[in-house]
Amino acid sequence: MPRRTPPAPVLEALACPVCRAGLTLGDRGLSCPGAHTFDLAREGYASLLTGATPPGSGDTKEMVADRLRFQQHGHYDPIGHALARALDVPGLPGQPLVVDAGGGTGHYLALVLEALPGAHGLTTDVSKFAARKAAKVHPRAGAATADTWRGLPLRTGSADAVLNVFAPREGAEFHRVLRPGGLLVVVTPDTDHLAELRGPLGLLEVDRHKDERLSRGLHGHFEPLESTPLRFTLQLDHADAATVVGMGPSARHMSPAELADRVAALPDPVAVTASVRVNTYRPRPAGR
């Protein structure tokens, strides 16, 4: 089977995670003028994660399979559609490059690309198992393994939009990779997100100071444009209810046996509130 390659607009935007020079594709993978070389996996994702990663920092193969099944059931599709609406604004070019930072399997990016026929996209994620899925999620999408905290493997000013859905945020780095006039879209949970599962399944509470933390993280780099609430109801069977726990930090706080017992006590299906906020920002001009 021939090796998949990212679309040309994605390849052109990639940068060496060591020296930030541009990358070119050759017979042996990706390389920069400084002779740093990186693998391009057979599945098509660029392996641009450097250094050791802390244990538990990326989704396992099993976690990715659960997340993908949950997403394919369409439970969080309204979030993807809301992202597409947020990008349907004046100022973005007709063929934008959209980056989903910490985007996992690329599900949200695929929904955005379907709504924006001229767009191309890149998903970055620390998990190679997620990147394998993200590389094949859409014909106009590519994927790379990368850690947002260490820097995105993109040329400065190469992205027209950056998406960030329930994922780590690094304001300075998002500002660097966005072109002037680009758009940052951040999705965060509201305090009543998944409220019906929090008590029965022992989910961690949403930080009531999350808005302040978001503002502090982006302060000096971005100007807020709009914050739009999004609420909808999920009808979850027991398997998907358990997956919701596995998709978040609460999974590390109980054993599989305890989780199974708690899920078994729920109605099947169980009606659950999804409540998030879609926040949009413009990068501040340099020097301001």
Protein backbone atom coordinates (compact mmCIF):
# COMPACT_ATOMS: atom_id res chain seq x y z
CA MET A 1 0.00 0.00 0.00
CA PRO A 2 1.52 3.37 -0.98
CA ARG A 3 2.26 5.88 1.74
CA ARG A 4 -0.33 8.62 2.21
CA THR A 5 0.90 12.20 2.07
CA PRO A 6 -0.69 15.35 3.52
CA PRO A 7 -2.30 17.77 1.04
CA ALA A 8 0.11 20.26 -0.52
CA PRO A 9 -1.18 23.33 1.41
CA VAL A 10 -0.60 21.44 4.66
CA LEU A 11 2.91 20.34 3.68
CA GLU A 12 3.78 23.92 2.74
CA ALA A 13 2.77 25.13 6.20
CA LEU A 14 4.73 22.55 8.21
CA ALA A 15 7.91 23.61 9.97
CA CYS A 16 10.74 21.81 11.69
CA PRO A 17 9.96 21.48 15.42
CA VAL A 18 13.67 21.97 16.20
CA CYS A 19 14.62 25.08 14.20
CA ARG A 20 11.25 26.16 12.67
CA ALA A 21 12.62 26.12 9.13
CA GLY A 22 10.30 24.86 6.42
CA LEU A 23 10.03 21.13 5.74
CA THR A 24 10.17 19.37 2.41
CA LEU A 25 9.02 15.86 1.54
CA GLY A 26 11.54 13.39 0.15
CA ASP A 27 11.86 9.66 -0.30
CA ARG A 28 12.86 9.21 3.34
CA GLY A 29 10.30 11.50 4.90
CA LEU A 30 10.41 15.17 5.89
CA SER A 31 13.55 17.25 6.28
CA CYS A 32 14.58 20.88 6.77
CA PRO A 33 17.63 22.82 5.48
CA GLY A 34 19.29 22.22 8.85
CA ALA A 35 19.33 18.46 8.17
CA HIS A 36 16.73 17.62 10.79
CA THR A 37 14.68 14.68 9.51
CA PHE A 38 11.30 13.28 10.51
CA ASP A 39 9.21 10.30 9.57
CA LEU A 40 6.06 10.46 7.54
CA ALA A 41 4.06 7.46 8.72
CA ARG A 42 2.44 5.12 6.23
CA GLU A 43 -0.95 6.34 7.47
CA GLY A 44 0.03 9.84 6.34
CA TYR A 45 0.70 11.73 9.55
CA ALA A 46 3.94 13.63 10.13
CA SER A 47 5.84 12.47 13.20
CA LEU A 48 6.97 15.84 14.58
CA LEU A 49 6.87 15.17 18.31
CA THR A 50 10.32 15.72 19.82
CA GLY A 51 11.64 14.62 23.18
CA ALA A 52 10.07 12.33 25.75
CA THR A 53 6.40 12.71 26.61
CA PRO A 54 5.14 12.32 30.19
CA PRO A 55 3.24 9.08 30.88
CA GLY A 56 -0.48 9.44 30.25
CA SER A 57 -0.09 12.60 28.16
CA GLY A 58 -1.65 11.10 25.03
CA ASP A 59 -4.65 8.91 24.27
CA THR A 60 -3.97 5.18 24.03
CA LYS A 61 -5.13 3.02 21.15
CA GLU A 62 -8.12 1.90 23.21
CA MET A 63 -9.04 5.44 24.23
CA VAL A 64 -8.89 6.60 20.63
CA ALA A 65 -11.16 3.72 19.56
CA ASP A 66 -13.73 4.70 22.21
CA ARG A 67 -13.52 8.37 21.32
CA LEU A 68 -13.91 7.62 17.62
CA ARG A 69 -16.99 5.47 18.22
CA PHE A 70 -18.54 8.22 20.34
CA GLN A 71 -17.83 10.82 17.67
CA GLN A 72 -19.13 8.64 14.85
CA HIS A 73 -22.45 8.42 16.67
CA GLY A 74 -22.68 12.19 16.10
CA HIS A 75 -23.13 13.17 19.75
CA TYR A 76 -20.84 16.20 19.55
CA ASP A 77 -21.50 17.11 15.91
CA PRO A 78 -23.28 20.35 16.95
CA ILE A 79 -19.91 21.55 18.23
CA GLY A 80 -18.30 20.90 14.84
CA HIS A 81 -21.12 22.74 13.08
CA ALA A 82 -20.73 25.68 15.50
CA LEU A 83 -17.01 25.82 14.68
CA ALA A 84 -17.83 26.00 10.99
CA ARG A 85 -20.28 28.84 11.60
CA ALA A 86 -17.67 30.71 13.61
CA LEU A 87 -15.30 30.56 10.63
CA ASP A 88 -17.93 31.73 8.15
CA VAL A 89 -17.01 35.39 8.61
CA PRO A 90 -15.53 38.15 6.45
CA GLY A 91 -11.76 38.35 6.55
CA LEU A 92 -10.86 34.70 6.08
CA PRO A 93 -9.56 33.84 2.60
CA GLY A 94 -11.52 31.63 0.24
CA GLN A 95 -9.08 28.74 0.75
CA PRO A 96 -8.06 28.99 4.41
CA LEU A 97 -5.72 26.69 6.29
CA VAL A 98 -7.44 25.59 9.50
CA VAL A 99 -5.42 24.05 12.34
CA ASP A 100 -7.08 22.03 15.10
CA ALA A 101 -4.57 22.12 17.97
CA GLY A 102 -4.94 19.10 20.22
CA GLY A 103 -7.64 17.91 17.85
CA GLY A 104 -7.43 14.16 18.51
CA THR A 105 -8.99 12.11 15.73
CA GLY A 106 -9.71 15.16 13.55
CA HIS A 107 -13.48 14.74 13.81
CA TYR A 108 -14.26 18.42 14.36
CA LEU A 109 -11.86 19.48 11.63
CA ALA A 110 -13.56 17.14 9.15
CA LEU A 111 -16.94 18.75 9.89
CA VAL A 112 -15.41 22.19 9.36
CA LEU A 113 -13.83 21.16 6.05
CA GLU A 114 -17.14 19.77 4.83
CA ALA A 115 -18.74 23.15 5.50
CA LEU A 116 -15.86 25.13 3.92
CA PRO A 117 -15.23 23.52 0.52
CA GLY A 118 -12.11 25.57 -0.21
CA ALA A 119 -10.39 24.95 3.11
CA HIS A 120 -7.55 22.60 4.04
CA GLY A 121 -6.77 21.52 7.57
CA LEU A 122 -4.19 20.10 9.93
CA THR A 123 -4.83 18.26 13.20
CA THR A 124 -2.06 18.21 15.79
CA ASP A 125 -2.13 15.84 18.74
CA VAL A 126 0.37 14.22 21.09
CA SER A 127 -1.10 10.74 20.46
CA LYS A 128 0.14 8.81 17.44
CA PHE A 129 -3.00 6.66 17.63
CA ALA A 130 -5.17 9.76 17.24
CA ALA A 131 -2.92 11.10 14.47
CA ARG A 132 -3.36 7.88 12.50
CA LYS A 133 -7.11 8.53 12.39
CA ALA A 134 -6.81 12.28 11.83
CA ALA A 135 -4.57 11.80 8.78
CA LYS A 136 -7.34 9.90 7.01
CA VAL A 137 -10.40 11.75 8.27
CA HIS A 138 -10.85 13.96 5.18
CA PRO A 139 -9.20 14.32 1.74
CA ARG A 140 -8.22 17.92 2.51
CA ALA A 141 -6.84 17.16 5.97
CA GLY A 142 -3.42 16.24 7.29
CA ALA A 143 -2.15 15.36 10.75
CA ALA A 144 1.01 15.66 12.82
CA THR A 145 2.06 14.47 16.24
CA ALA A 146 3.02 17.49 18.31
CA ASP A 147 2.78 18.86 21.84
CA THR A 148 1.10 22.27 21.98
CA TRP A 149 3.15 23.24 25.04
CA ARG A 150 6.41 22.70 23.13
CA GLY A 151 5.28 24.57 20.04
CA LEU A 152 3.28 23.78 16.95
CA PRO A 153 5.24 22.46 13.92
CA LEU A 154 4.02 25.28 11.68
CA ARG A 155 5.63 28.22 9.95
CA THR A 156 5.01 31.61 11.51
CA GLY A 157 1.84 33.19 10.11
CA SER A 158 0.90 30.11 8.10
CA ALA A 159 -2.55 29.42 9.58
CA ASP A 160 -5.74 31.32 8.82
CA ALA A 161 -7.64 29.83 11.75
CA VAL A 162 -6.79 27.81 14.85
CA LEU A 163 -9.38 25.63 16.60
CA ASN A 164 -9.04 24.52 20.20
CA VAL A 165 -11.73 22.22 21.60
CA PHE A 166 -11.35 20.98 25.20
CA ALA A 167 -7.59 20.94 24.63
CA PRO A 168 -4.44 22.60 26.03
CA ARG A 169 -3.99 26.24 25.02
CA GLU A 170 -0.80 28.22 24.48
CA GLY A 171 -1.70 31.79 23.58
CA ALA A 172 1.74 32.92 22.41
CA GLU A 173 2.12 29.93 20.12
CA PHE A 174 -1.36 30.30 18.63
CA HIS A 175 -0.55 33.96 17.96
CA ARG A 176 2.73 33.01 16.26
CA VAL A 177 1.23 30.55 13.78
CA LEU A 178 -1.80 32.69 12.90
CA ARG A 179 -1.52 35.25 10.16
CA PRO A 180 -2.49 38.84 11.01
CA GLY A 181 -6.28 38.97 10.79
CA GLY A 182 -6.63 35.25 11.42
CA LEU A 183 -9.12 33.72 13.82
CA LEU A 184 -8.83 31.65 17.00
CA VAL A 185 -11.89 29.63 18.09
CA VAL A 186 -11.84 28.10 21.57
CA VAL A 187 -14.57 25.77 22.85
CA THR A 188 -14.86 25.45 26.64
CA PRO A 189 -17.42 23.62 28.82
CA ASP A 190 -19.96 25.58 30.84
CA THR A 191 -20.54 24.69 34.49
CA ASP A 192 -23.63 22.58 33.66
CA HIS A 193 -21.92 20.57 30.91
CA LEU A 194 -22.75 16.87 31.39
CA ALA A 195 -24.52 17.79 34.65
CA GLU A 196 -26.63 14.62 34.70
CA LEU A 197 -23.49 12.46 34.77
CA ARG A 198 -21.39 14.39 37.25
CA GLY A 199 -22.89 13.02 40.44
CA PRO A 200 -23.69 9.45 39.33
CA LEU A 201 -20.35 8.90 37.58
CA GLY A 202 -18.15 11.03 39.80
CA LEU A 203 -17.06 13.43 37.06
CA LEU A 204 -14.82 16.30 38.08
CA GLU A 205 -16.61 19.62 38.34
CA VAL A 206 -15.99 22.25 35.67
CA ASP A 207 -13.67 24.94 37.01
CA ARG A 208 -15.85 27.91 37.85
CA HIS A 209 -12.89 30.19 37.16
CA LYS A 210 -12.26 28.80 33.68
CA ASP A 211 -13.26 32.06 31.96
CA GLU A 212 -10.68 33.96 33.99
CA ARG A 213 -8.04 31.34 33.22
CA LEU A 214 -8.88 31.50 29.52
CA SER A 215 -8.57 35.29 29.51
CA ARG A 216 -5.26 35.17 31.35
CA GLY A 217 -3.87 32.57 28.96
CA LEU A 218 -4.69 34.65 25.91
CA HIS A 219 -4.07 38.09 27.41
CA GLY A 220 -1.70 40.23 25.39
CA HIS A 221 -1.98 38.00 22.35
CA PHE A 222 -5.68 38.08 21.37
CA GLU A 223 -8.68 40.37 21.38
CA PRO A 224 -12.04 38.72 22.19
CA LEU A 225 -14.70 39.02 19.51
CA GLU A 226 -17.65 36.92 20.59
CA SER A 227 -18.68 34.26 23.12
CA THR A 228 -21.65 32.17 22.02
CA PRO A 229 -23.38 29.59 24.25
CA LEU A 230 -24.29 26.23 22.72
CA ARG A 231 -26.65 23.81 24.49
CA PHE A 232 -28.12 20.54 23.24
CA THR A 233 -29.27 17.20 24.66
CA LEU A 234 -27.39 13.94 24.24
CA GLN A 235 -29.13 10.58 24.31
CA LEU A 236 -26.38 8.24 25.51
CA ASP A 237 -26.46 4.48 25.84
CA HIS A 238 -24.38 2.96 28.61
CA ALA A 239 -21.33 2.43 26.40
CA ASP A 240 -21.29 6.07 25.32
CA ALA A 241 -21.88 7.29 28.88
CA ALA A 242 -18.79 5.34 29.95
CA THR A 243 -16.84 6.79 27.02
CA VAL A 244 -17.66 10.33 28.19
CA VAL A 245 -15.80 9.54 31.39
CA GLY A 246 -12.89 8.04 29.48
CA MET A 247 -12.61 11.15 27.30
CA GLY A 248 -11.90 13.38 30.29
CA PRO A 249 -9.66 13.60 33.36
CA SER A 250 -12.19 11.80 35.57
CA ALA A 251 -11.12 8.48 34.04
CA ARG A 252 -7.99 8.54 36.20
CA HIS A 253 -9.98 8.72 39.44
CA MET A 254 -11.87 5.42 39.44
CA SER A 255 -11.33 1.81 38.54
CA PRO A 256 -13.00 0.21 35.48
CA ALA A 257 -15.07 -1.97 37.81
CA GLU A 258 -16.35 1.03 39.77
CA LEU A 259 -17.18 2.88 36.55
CA ALA A 260 -19.09 -0.14 35.19
CA ASP A 261 -21.15 -0.36 38.38
CA ARG A 262 -21.99 3.33 38.27
CA VAL A 263 -22.94 3.25 34.58
CA ALA A 264 -25.17 0.20 35.11
CA ALA A 265 -27.27 2.20 37.57
CA LEU A 266 -28.09 4.86 34.95
CA PRO A 267 -31.20 4.86 32.73
CA ASP A 268 -30.48 3.40 29.27
CA PRO A 269 -30.41 5.66 27.35
CA VAL A 270 -29.70 8.59 29.64
CA ALA A 271 -30.51 12.18 28.61
CA VAL A 272 -27.50 14.42 29.21
CA THR A 273 -27.06 18.16 28.76
CA ALA A 274 -24.19 19.36 26.59
CA SER A 275 -23.40 22.97 27.42
CA VAL A 276 -20.36 24.71 25.98
CA ARG A 277 -19.23 28.15 24.92
CA VAL A 278 -17.73 28.98 21.52
CA ASN A 279 -15.27 31.85 21.95
CA THR A 280 -13.71 33.69 19.01
CA TYR A 281 -10.64 35.93 19.03
CA ARG A 282 -8.46 37.96 16.67
CA PRO A 283 -4.70 38.12 17.16
CA ARG A 284 -3.44 41.45 18.47
CA PRO A 285 -1.02 43.23 16.18
CA ALA A 286 2.61 42.58 17.12
CA GLY A 287 3.99 45.12 19.55
CA ARG A 288 0.67 46.08 21.08
